[in-house]
Amino acid sequence: MTVTQTATGRQRRVYVPRPADSAPPPDPPIYTELLRLWADRGRTLPGCHDPEWAELAAPTVRRGQFSDSPAPPDDER
């Protein structure tokens, strides 16, 4: 953030984004080690696709719900 002076003399913080061509700083070693430990134990990593979560979070779609065909009788659901 950059600090600027206003006409009244009050300081104001202005967000100035970094240039798009600059790379983000590398993760601190403690986070790199934690990610390695989680990966070794088969856990889901931040920023990676999690197929189990995608399946659990997917909406349930019943036969006939989104088509013109009639829904099956209650005993077939």
PDB file of N, CA and C in Angstrom:
ATOM      1  N   MET A   1       0.833  -1.168   0.000  1.00  0.00           N
ATOM      2  CA  MET A   1       0.000   0.000   0.000  1.00  0.00           C
ATOM      3  C   MET A   1       0.882   1.237   0.000  1.00  0.00           C
ATOM      4  N   THR A   2       0.358   2.270  -0.594  1.00  0.00           N
ATOM      5  CA  THR A   2       1.063   3.533  -0.665  1.00  0.00           C
ATOM      6  C   THR A   2       0.303   4.558   0.174  1.00  0.00           C
ATOM      7  N   VAL A   3       1.029   5.331   0.978  1.00  0.00           N
ATOM      8  CA  VAL A   3       0.400   6.363   1.799  1.00  0.00           C
ATOM      9  C   VAL A   3       0.467   7.684   1.049  1.00  0.00           C
ATOM     10  N   THR A   4      -0.693   8.377   0.948  1.00  0.00           N
ATOM     11  CA  THR A   4      -0.750   9.672   0.278  1.00  0.00           C
ATOM     12  C   THR A   4      -1.356  10.697   1.229  1.00  0.00           C
ATOM     13  N   GLN A   5      -1.120  11.979   0.967  1.00  0.00           N
ATOM     14  CA  GLN A   5      -1.693  13.077   1.760  1.00  0.00           C
ATOM     15  C   GLN A   5      -2.897  13.638   1.018  1.00  0.00           C
ATOM     16  N   THR A   6      -3.964  13.925   1.736  1.00  0.00           N
ATOM     17  CA  THR A   6      -5.125  14.565   1.127  1.00  0.00           C
ATOM     18  C   THR A   6      -5.015  16.070   1.316  1.00  0.00           C
ATOM     19  N   ALA A   7      -5.935  16.811   0.729  1.00  0.00           N
ATOM     20  CA  ALA A   7      -5.917  18.272   0.838  1.00  0.00           C
ATOM     21  C   ALA A   7      -6.095  18.723   2.283  1.00  0.00           C
ATOM     22  N   THR A   8      -6.778  17.922   3.095  1.00  0.00           N
ATOM     23  CA  THR A   8      -6.998  18.293   4.497  1.00  0.00           C
ATOM     24  C   THR A   8      -5.828  17.882   5.382  1.00  0.00           C
ATOM     25  N   GLY A   9      -4.835  17.229   4.790  1.00  0.00           N
ATOM     26  CA  GLY A   9      -3.674  16.824   5.559  1.00  0.00           C
ATOM     27  C   GLY A   9      -3.787  15.428   6.152  1.00  0.00           C
ATOM     28  N   ARG A  10      -4.918  14.791   5.947  1.00  0.00           N
ATOM     29  CA  ARG A  10      -5.086  13.436   6.461  1.00  0.00           C
ATOM     30  C   ARG A  10      -4.372  12.446   5.555  1.00  0.00           C
ATOM     31  N   GLN A  11      -3.809  11.422   6.168  1.00  0.00           N
ATOM     32  CA  GLN A  11      -3.149  10.382   5.375  1.00  0.00           C
ATOM     33  C   GLN A  11      -4.194   9.377   4.902  1.00  0.00           C
ATOM     34  N   ARG A  12      -3.980   8.875   3.711  1.00  0.00           N
ATOM     35  CA  ARG A  12      -4.885   7.899   3.132  1.00  0.00           C
ATOM     36  C   ARG A  12      -4.062   6.796   2.494  1.00  0.00           C
ATOM     37  N   ARG A  13      -4.476   5.553   2.688  1.00  0.00           N
ATOM     38  CA  ARG A  13      -3.767   4.432   2.063  1.00  0.00           C
ATOM     39  C   ARG A  13      -4.439   4.075   0.752  1.00  0.00           C
ATOM     40  N   VAL A  14      -3.642   3.925  -0.269  1.00  0.00           N
ATOM     41  CA  VAL A  14      -4.138   3.600  -1.599  1.00  0.00           C
ATOM     42  C   VAL A  14      -3.508   2.282  -2.021  1.00  0.00           C
ATOM     43  N   TYR A  15      -4.339   1.351  -2.442  1.00  0.00           N
ATOM     44  CA  TYR A  15      -3.842   0.068  -2.923  1.00  0.00           C
ATOM     45  C   TYR A  15      -3.314   0.223  -4.339  1.00  0.00           C
ATOM     46  N   VAL A  16      -2.072  -0.148  -4.526  1.00  0.00           N
ATOM     47  CA  VAL A  16      -1.452  -0.112  -5.846  1.00  0.00           C
ATOM     48  C   VAL A  16      -1.042  -1.543  -6.176  1.00  0.00           C
ATOM     49  N   PRO A  17      -1.760  -2.213  -7.109  1.00  0.00           N
ATOM     50  CA  PRO A  17      -1.431  -3.603  -7.416  1.00  0.00           C
ATOM     51  C   PRO A  17      -0.062  -3.725  -8.066  1.00  0.00           C
ATOM     52  N   ARG A  18       0.564  -4.851  -7.798  1.00  0.00           N
ATOM     53  CA  ARG A  18       1.871  -5.084  -8.409  1.00  0.00           C
ATOM     54  C   ARG A  18       1.711  -5.351  -9.896  1.00  0.00           C
ATOM     55  N   PRO A  19       2.708  -5.077 -10.691  1.00  0.00           N
ATOM     56  CA  PRO A  19       2.617  -5.318 -12.133  1.00  0.00           C
ATOM     57  C   PRO A  19       2.313  -6.786 -12.422  1.00  0.00           C
ATOM     58  N   ALA A  20       1.561  -7.037 -13.489  1.00  0.00           N
ATOM     59  CA  ALA A  20       1.143  -8.389 -13.832  1.00  0.00           C
ATOM     60  C   ALA A  20       2.310  -9.305 -14.184  1.00  0.00           C
ATOM     61  N   ASP A  21       3.404  -8.749 -14.660  1.00  0.00           N
ATOM     62  CA  ASP A  21       4.528  -9.590 -15.079  1.00  0.00           C
ATOM     63  C   ASP A  21       5.412 -10.029 -13.912  1.00  0.00           C
ATOM     64  N   SER A  22       5.194  -9.516 -12.718  1.00  0.00           N
ATOM     65  CA  SER A  22       6.032  -9.935 -11.599  1.00  0.00           C
ATOM     66  C   SER A  22       5.449 -11.189 -10.966  1.00  0.00           C
ATOM     67  N   ALA A  23       6.311 -12.117 -10.626  1.00  0.00           N
ATOM     68  CA  ALA A  23       5.882 -13.385 -10.026  1.00  0.00           C
ATOM     69  C   ALA A  23       5.649 -13.187  -8.532  1.00  0.00           C
ATOM     70  N   PRO A  24       4.702 -13.938  -7.964  1.00  0.00           N
ATOM     71  CA  PRO A  24       4.482 -13.820  -6.519  1.00  0.00           C
ATOM     72  C   PRO A  24       5.691 -14.367  -5.764  1.00  0.00           C
ATOM     73  N   PRO A  25       5.909 -13.880  -4.564  1.00  0.00           N
ATOM     74  CA  PRO A  25       7.054 -14.391  -3.807  1.00  0.00           C
ATOM     75  C   PRO A  25       6.853 -15.868  -3.481  1.00  0.00           C
ATOM     76  N   PRO A  26       7.932 -16.628  -3.364  1.00  0.00           N
ATOM     77  CA  PRO A  26       7.789 -18.054  -3.064  1.00  0.00           C
ATOM     78  C   PRO A  26       7.225 -18.257  -1.650  1.00  0.00           C
ATOM     79  N   ASP A  27       6.582 -19.402  -1.465  1.00  0.00           N
ATOM     80  CA  ASP A  27       6.056 -19.734  -0.143  1.00  0.00           C
ATOM     81  C   ASP A  27       7.204 -19.911   0.847  1.00  0.00           C
ATOM     82  N   PRO A  28       6.976 -19.539   2.106  1.00  0.00           N
ATOM     83  CA  PRO A  28       7.998 -19.789   3.124  1.00  0.00           C
ATOM     84  C   PRO A  28       8.237 -21.298   3.260  1.00  0.00           C
ATOM     85  N   PRO A  29       9.421 -21.701   3.658  1.00  0.00           N
ATOM     86  CA  PRO A  29       9.746 -23.131   3.747  1.00  0.00           C
ATOM     87  C   PRO A  29       8.778 -23.931   4.627  1.00  0.00           C
ATOM     88  N   ILE A  30       8.234 -23.315   5.684  1.00  0.00           N
ATOM     89  CA  ILE A  30       7.335 -24.073   6.558  1.00  0.00           C
ATOM     90  C   ILE A  30       6.086 -24.515   5.798  1.00  0.00           C
ATOM     91  N   TYR A  31       5.575 -23.688   4.870  1.00  0.00           N
ATOM     92  CA  TYR A  31       4.404 -24.071   4.086  1.00  0.00           C
ATOM     93  C   TYR A  31       4.752 -25.138   3.058  1.00  0.00           C
ATOM     94  N   THR A  32       5.920 -25.027   2.462  1.00  0.00           N
ATOM     95  CA  THR A  32       6.361 -26.030   1.502  1.00  0.00           C
ATOM     96  C   THR A  32       6.468 -27.388   2.184  1.00  0.00           C
ATOM     97  N   GLU A  33       7.024 -27.421   3.372  1.00  0.00           N
ATOM     98  CA  GLU A  33       7.155 -28.674   4.119  1.00  0.00           C
ATOM     99  C   GLU A  33       5.777 -29.222   4.508  1.00  0.00           C
ATOM    100  N   LEU A  34       4.861 -28.348   4.907  1.00  0.00           N
ATOM    101  CA  LEU A  34       3.511 -28.778   5.273  1.00  0.00           C
ATOM    102  C   LEU A  34       2.800 -29.390   4.066  1.00  0.00           C
ATOM    103  N   LEU A  35       2.906 -28.753   2.901  1.00  0.00           N
ATOM    104  CA  LEU A  35       2.293 -29.305   1.696  1.00  0.00           C
ATOM    105  C   LEU A  35       2.888 -30.662   1.346  1.00  0.00           C
ATOM    106  N   ARG A  36       4.185 -30.805   1.512  1.00  0.00           N
ATOM    107  CA  ARG A  36       4.840 -32.083   1.235  1.00  0.00           C
ATOM    108  C   ARG A  36       4.326 -33.161   2.194  1.00  0.00           C
ATOM    109  N   LEU A  37       4.176 -32.806   3.474  1.00  0.00           N
ATOM    110  CA  LEU A  37       3.684 -33.746   4.484  1.00  0.00           C
ATOM    111  C   LEU A  37       2.250 -34.171   4.164  1.00  0.00           C
ATOM    112  N   TRP A  38       1.390 -33.209   3.822  1.00  0.00           N
ATOM    113  CA  TRP A  38      -0.002 -33.533   3.472  1.00  0.00           C
ATOM    114  C   TRP A  38      -0.056 -34.431   2.236  1.00  0.00           C
ATOM    115  N   ALA A  39       0.749 -34.121   1.234  1.00  0.00           N
ATOM    116  CA  ALA A  39       0.755 -34.926   0.007  1.00  0.00           C
ATOM    117  C   ALA A  39       1.203 -36.350   0.309  1.00  0.00           C
ATOM    118  N   ASP A  40       2.214 -36.509   1.149  1.00  0.00           N
ATOM    119  CA  ASP A  40       2.696 -37.845   1.513  1.00  0.00           C
ATOM    120  C   ASP A  40       1.626 -38.655   2.230  1.00  0.00           C
ATOM    121  N   ARG A  41       0.739 -37.979   2.962  1.00  0.00           N
ATOM    122  CA  ARG A  41      -0.334 -38.663   3.695  1.00  0.00           C
ATOM    123  C   ARG A  41      -1.614 -38.805   2.869  1.00  0.00           C
ATOM    124  N   GLY A  42      -1.567 -38.363   1.608  1.00  0.00           N
ATOM    125  CA  GLY A  42      -2.714 -38.513   0.722  1.00  0.00           C
ATOM    126  C   GLY A  42      -3.816 -37.498   0.947  1.00  0.00           C
ATOM    127  N   ARG A  43      -3.516 -36.398   1.605  1.00  0.00           N
ATOM    128  CA  ARG A  43      -4.534 -35.383   1.868  1.00  0.00           C
ATOM    129  C   ARG A  43      -4.692 -34.446   0.674  1.00  0.00           C
ATOM    130  N   THR A  44      -5.816 -33.756   0.641  1.00  0.00           N
ATOM    131  CA  THR A  44      -6.066 -32.780  -0.418  1.00  0.00           C
ATOM    132  C   THR A  44      -5.238 -31.539  -0.169  1.00  0.00           C
ATOM    133  N   LEU A  45      -4.673 -31.000  -1.229  1.00  0.00           N
ATOM    134  CA  LEU A  45      -3.828 -29.821  -1.115  1.00  0.00           C
ATOM    135  C   LEU A  45      -4.576 -28.580  -1.589  1.00  0.00           C
ATOM    136  N   PRO A  46      -4.321 -27.431  -0.967  1.00  0.00           N
ATOM    137  CA  PRO A  46      -4.965 -26.189  -1.409  1.00  0.00           C
ATOM    138  C   PRO A  46      -4.639 -25.908  -2.874  1.00  0.00           C
ATOM    139  N   GLY A  47      -5.652 -25.526  -3.619  1.00  0.00           N
ATOM    140  CA  GLY A  47      -5.458 -25.192  -5.024  1.00  0.00           C
ATOM    141  C   GLY A  47      -5.479 -26.385  -5.961  1.00  0.00           C
ATOM    142  N   CYS A  48      -5.635 -27.587  -5.433  1.00  0.00           N
ATOM    143  CA  CYS A  48      -5.669 -28.790  -6.267  1.00  0.00           C
ATOM    144  C   CYS A  48      -7.090 -29.341  -6.325  1.00  0.00           C
ATOM    145  N   HIS A  49      -7.436 -29.961  -7.435  1.00  0.00           N
ATOM    146  CA  HIS A  49      -8.763 -30.552  -7.608  1.00  0.00           C
ATOM    147  C   HIS A  49      -8.949 -31.699  -6.622  1.00  0.00           C
ATOM    148  N   ASP A  50     -10.103 -31.747  -5.991  1.00  0.00           N
ATOM    149  CA  ASP A  50     -10.428 -32.796  -5.032  1.00  0.00           C
ATOM    150  C   ASP A  50     -11.636 -33.557  -5.553  1.00  0.00           C
ATOM    151  N   PRO A  51     -11.438 -34.727  -6.164  1.00  0.00           N
ATOM    152  CA  PRO A  51     -12.560 -35.449  -6.760  1.00  0.00           C
ATOM    153  C   PRO A  51     -13.607 -35.872  -5.728  1.00  0.00           C
ATOM    154  N   GLU A  52     -13.186 -36.207  -4.520  1.00  0.00           N
ATOM    155  CA  GLU A  52     -14.154 -36.609  -3.493  1.00  0.00           C
ATOM    156  C   GLU A  52     -15.071 -35.434  -3.125  1.00  0.00           C
ATOM    157  N   TRP A  53     -14.493 -34.244  -2.959  1.00  0.00           N
ATOM    158  CA  TRP A  53     -15.314 -33.073  -2.631  1.00  0.00           C
ATOM    159  C   TRP A  53     -16.246 -32.734  -3.789  1.00  0.00           C
ATOM    160  N   ALA A  54     -15.760 -32.825  -5.020  1.00  0.00           N
ATOM    161  CA  ALA A  54     -16.596 -32.521  -6.177  1.00  0.00           C
ATOM    162  C   ALA A  54     -17.803 -33.459  -6.224  1.00  0.00           C
ATOM    163  N   GLU A  55     -17.603 -34.736  -5.904  1.00  0.00           N
ATOM    164  CA  GLU A  55     -18.711 -35.693  -5.897  1.00  0.00           C
ATOM    165  C   GLU A  55     -19.700 -35.386  -4.770  1.00  0.00           C
ATOM    166  N   LEU A  56     -19.182 -35.070  -3.590  1.00  0.00           N
ATOM    167  CA  LEU A  56     -20.052 -34.785  -2.453  1.00  0.00           C
ATOM    168  C   LEU A  56     -20.833 -33.488  -2.638  1.00  0.00           C
ATOM    169  N   ALA A  57     -20.227 -32.498  -3.277  1.00  0.00           N
ATOM    170  CA  ALA A  57     -20.860 -31.186  -3.432  1.00  0.00           C
ATOM    171  C   ALA A  57     -21.762 -31.099  -4.655  1.00  0.00           C
ATOM    172  N   ALA A  58     -21.719 -32.103  -5.523  1.00  0.00           N
ATOM    173  CA  ALA A  58     -22.536 -32.069  -6.738  1.00  0.00           C
ATOM    174  C   ALA A  58     -24.014 -32.213  -6.383  1.00  0.00           C
ATOM    175  N   PRO A  59     -24.876 -31.498  -7.094  1.00  0.00           N
ATOM    176  CA  PRO A  59     -26.309 -31.622  -6.815  1.00  0.00           C
ATOM    177  C   PRO A  59     -26.829 -32.983  -7.264  1.00  0.00           C
ATOM    178  N   THR A  60     -27.840 -33.466  -6.580  1.00  0.00           N
ATOM    179  CA  THR A  60     -28.477 -34.722  -6.955  1.00  0.00           C
ATOM    180  C   THR A  60     -29.481 -34.428  -8.068  1.00  0.00           C
ATOM    181  N   VAL A  61     -29.350 -35.132  -9.171  1.00  0.00           N
ATOM    182  CA  VAL A  61     -30.259 -34.960 -10.307  1.00  0.00           C
ATOM    183  C   VAL A  61     -31.034 -36.259 -10.459  1.00  0.00           C
ATOM    184  N   ARG A  62     -32.351 -36.151 -10.403  1.00  0.00           N
ATOM    185  CA  ARG A  62     -33.206 -37.324 -10.556  1.00  0.00           C
ATOM    186  C   ARG A  62     -33.612 -37.478 -12.011  1.00  0.00           C
ATOM    187  N   ARG A  63     -33.911 -38.693 -12.392  1.00  0.00           N
ATOM    188  CA  ARG A  63     -34.338 -38.986 -13.752  1.00  0.00           C
ATOM    189  C   ARG A  63     -35.606 -38.193 -14.055  1.00  0.00           C
ATOM    190  N   GLY A  64     -35.637 -37.500 -15.175  1.00  0.00           N
ATOM    191  CA  GLY A  64     -36.791 -36.723 -15.584  1.00  0.00           C
ATOM    192  C   GLY A  64     -36.825 -35.308 -15.020  1.00  0.00           C
ATOM    193  N   GLN A  65     -35.872 -34.960 -14.169  1.00  0.00           N
ATOM    194  CA  GLN A  65     -35.894 -33.636 -13.534  1.00  0.00           C
ATOM    195  C   GLN A  65     -35.652 -32.516 -14.533  1.00  0.00           C
ATOM    196  N   PHE A  66     -34.804 -32.732 -15.519  1.00  0.00           N
ATOM    197  CA  PHE A  66     -34.445 -31.679 -16.471  1.00  0.00           C
ATOM    198  C   PHE A  66     -34.805 -32.030 -17.905  1.00  0.00           C
ATOM    199  N   SER A  67     -35.759 -32.930 -18.092  1.00  0.00           N
ATOM    200  CA  SER A  67     -36.150 -33.276 -19.453  1.00  0.00           C
ATOM    201  C   SER A  67     -37.661 -33.234 -19.559  1.00  0.00           C
ATOM    202  N   ASP A  68     -38.151 -33.430 -20.763  1.00  0.00           N
ATOM    203  CA  ASP A  68     -39.590 -33.421 -20.992  1.00  0.00           C
ATOM    204  C   ASP A  68     -40.236 -34.747 -20.615  1.00  0.00           C
ATOM    205  N   SER A  69     -39.420 -35.777 -20.405  1.00  0.00           N
ATOM    206  CA  SER A  69     -39.999 -37.076 -20.054  1.00  0.00           C
ATOM    207  C   SER A  69     -40.558 -37.024 -18.636  1.00  0.00           C
ATOM    208  N   PRO A  70     -41.627 -37.722 -18.401  1.00  0.00           N
ATOM    209  CA  PRO A  70     -42.253 -37.688 -17.083  1.00  0.00           C
ATOM    210  C   PRO A  70     -41.335 -38.321 -16.026  1.00  0.00           C
ATOM    211  N   ALA A  71     -41.476 -37.856 -14.813  1.00  0.00           N
ATOM    212  CA  ALA A  71     -40.715 -38.432 -13.712  1.00  0.00           C
ATOM    213  C   ALA A  71     -41.252 -39.821 -13.404  1.00  0.00           C
ATOM    214  N   PRO A  72     -40.399 -40.726 -12.949  1.00  0.00           N
ATOM    215  CA  PRO A  72     -40.870 -42.076 -12.621  1.00  0.00           C
ATOM    216  C   PRO A  72     -41.792 -42.039 -11.402  1.00  0.00           C
ATOM    217  N   PRO A  73     -42.621 -43.072 -11.268  1.00  0.00           N
ATOM    218  CA  PRO A  73     -43.470 -43.144 -10.069  1.00  0.00           C
ATOM    219  C   PRO A  73     -42.632 -43.191  -8.814  1.00  0.00           C
ATOM    220  N   ASP A  74     -43.236 -42.824  -7.678  1.00  0.00           N
ATOM    221  CA  ASP A  74     -42.500 -42.761  -6.421  1.00  0.00           C
ATOM    222  C   ASP A  74     -41.829 -44.066  -6.042  1.00  0.00           C
ATOM    223  N   ASP A  75     -42.412 -45.197  -6.415  1.00  0.00           N
ATOM    224  CA  ASP A  75     -41.820 -46.476  -6.015  1.00  0.00           C
ATOM    225  C   ASP A  75     -40.565 -46.817  -6.819  1.00  0.00           C
ATOM    226  N   GLU A  76     -40.288 -46.076  -7.899  1.00  0.00           N
ATOM    227  CA  GLU A  76     -39.079 -46.319  -8.683  1.00  0.00           C
ATOM    228  C   GLU A  76     -37.948 -45.368  -8.325  1.00  0.00           C
ATOM    229  N   ARG A  77     -38.179 -44.402  -7.474  1.00  0.00           N
ATOM    230  CA  ARG A  77     -37.140 -43.424  -7.124  1.00  0.00           C
ATOM    231  C   ARG A  77     -36.176 -43.980  -6.146  1.00  0.00           C
TER     232      ARG A  77
END
